[in-house]
Protein backbone atom coordinates (compact mmCIF):
# COMPACT_ATOMS: atom_id res chain seq x y z
CA MET A 1 100.57 -61.89 181.84
CA GLU A 2 99.33 -65.00 182.46
CA THR A 3 100.83 -68.40 183.75
CA ASP A 4 99.72 -72.38 183.34
CA LYS A 5 101.73 -75.50 184.30
CA ASP A 6 104.09 -75.34 181.58
CA HIS A 7 103.82 -71.92 179.93
CA LEU A 8 102.74 -67.80 180.25
CA HIS A 9 100.86 -65.60 178.02
CA ILE A 10 102.33 -62.37 178.02
CA LEU A 11 101.06 -58.99 175.82
CA LEU A 12 103.69 -57.45 174.83
CA GLU A 13 103.57 -53.83 172.95
CA TYR A 14 106.70 -53.25 171.21
CA ASP A 15 108.71 -50.69 168.82
CA ALA A 16 108.43 -52.70 165.31
CA THR A 17 111.49 -51.35 164.33
CA GLU A 18 112.66 -54.28 166.89
CA ARG A 19 112.85 -58.39 166.16
CA PHE A 20 110.43 -59.91 168.69
CA CYS A 21 113.01 -63.03 168.17
CA ASP A 22 115.40 -60.22 170.16
CA ILE A 23 112.53 -59.12 172.21
CA ILE A 24 111.97 -62.68 173.35
CA SER A 25 115.86 -63.13 173.84
CA ILE A 26 116.10 -60.74 176.30
CA ILE A 27 112.92 -61.61 178.37
CA LYS A 28 114.61 -65.19 178.69
CA GLN A 29 117.87 -64.58 179.53
CA ARG A 30 117.04 -61.28 182.43
CA THR A 31 114.25 -63.63 184.30
CA THR A 32 116.73 -66.84 184.14
CA ARG A 33 119.48 -64.66 185.53
CA TRP A 34 116.86 -63.44 188.30
CA LEU A 35 115.37 -66.76 189.16
CA TRP A 36 118.81 -68.26 189.69
CA ILE A 37 119.90 -65.32 191.79
CA ARG A 38 116.77 -65.82 193.84
CA TYR A 39 116.03 -69.75 194.04
CA ARG A 40 119.44 -71.20 193.38
CA ASN A 41 119.23 -73.46 196.21
CA ILE A 42 116.07 -74.85 194.69
CA LEU A 43 116.68 -74.81 191.22
CA THR A 44 120.18 -76.59 191.60
CA LYS A 45 118.63 -79.65 192.62
CA GLN A 46 116.21 -79.66 189.60
CA TYR A 47 118.62 -78.00 187.07
CA TRP A 48 122.30 -79.27 188.20
CA LYS A 49 123.83 -79.85 184.78
CA LYS A 50 123.12 -76.56 183.24
CA HIS A 51 121.35 -73.04 184.10
CA ILE A 52 118.78 -73.21 181.90
CA PHE A 53 115.28 -72.60 182.71
CA TRP A 54 113.66 -71.71 179.24
CA SER A 55 113.10 -74.05 176.64
CA ASP A 56 114.71 -72.92 173.03
CA GLY A 57 111.27 -72.06 171.39
CA TYR A 58 108.30 -69.67 171.67
CA PHE A 59 104.87 -68.74 169.90
CA ALA A 60 103.69 -65.41 168.96
CA CYS A 61 100.91 -63.86 167.42
CA SER A 62 100.37 -60.03 166.66
CA VAL A 63 96.78 -59.08 168.09
CA GLY A 64 96.86 -55.11 166.19
CA GLU A 65 95.21 -52.60 167.43
CA VAL A 66 93.13 -54.50 170.42
CA SER A 67 92.46 -53.15 173.69
CA SER A 68 93.43 -55.65 176.32
CA ALA A 69 90.23 -55.92 177.86
CA THR A 70 89.05 -57.61 174.40
CA ILE A 71 91.74 -59.98 174.25
CA GLU A 72 90.79 -60.80 178.12
CA LYS A 73 87.28 -61.19 177.35
CA TYR A 74 88.06 -63.49 174.47
CA ILE A 75 90.78 -65.38 176.65
CA ALA A 76 87.58 -66.08 179.06
CA GLU A 77 85.17 -66.97 176.40
CA GLN A 78 87.98 -69.82 175.13
CA GLY A 79 88.47 -70.85 178.38
């Protein structure tokens, strides 16, 4: 996982029989719940109307059978 000001990069290995959109939905639901439980006092100042943390969209791409070391090297070269 890698973070930026307004987004995350997450490398996942998952069963190809699962729908990727369902995996993203679960990640967003569980992390939102955890953040609201842990940081309620801080978040209520910014998100007073709805308990929403993530945007609706996401970007996903496949890396196939590439190792995480190869991906890290590629990211370092691009940065």
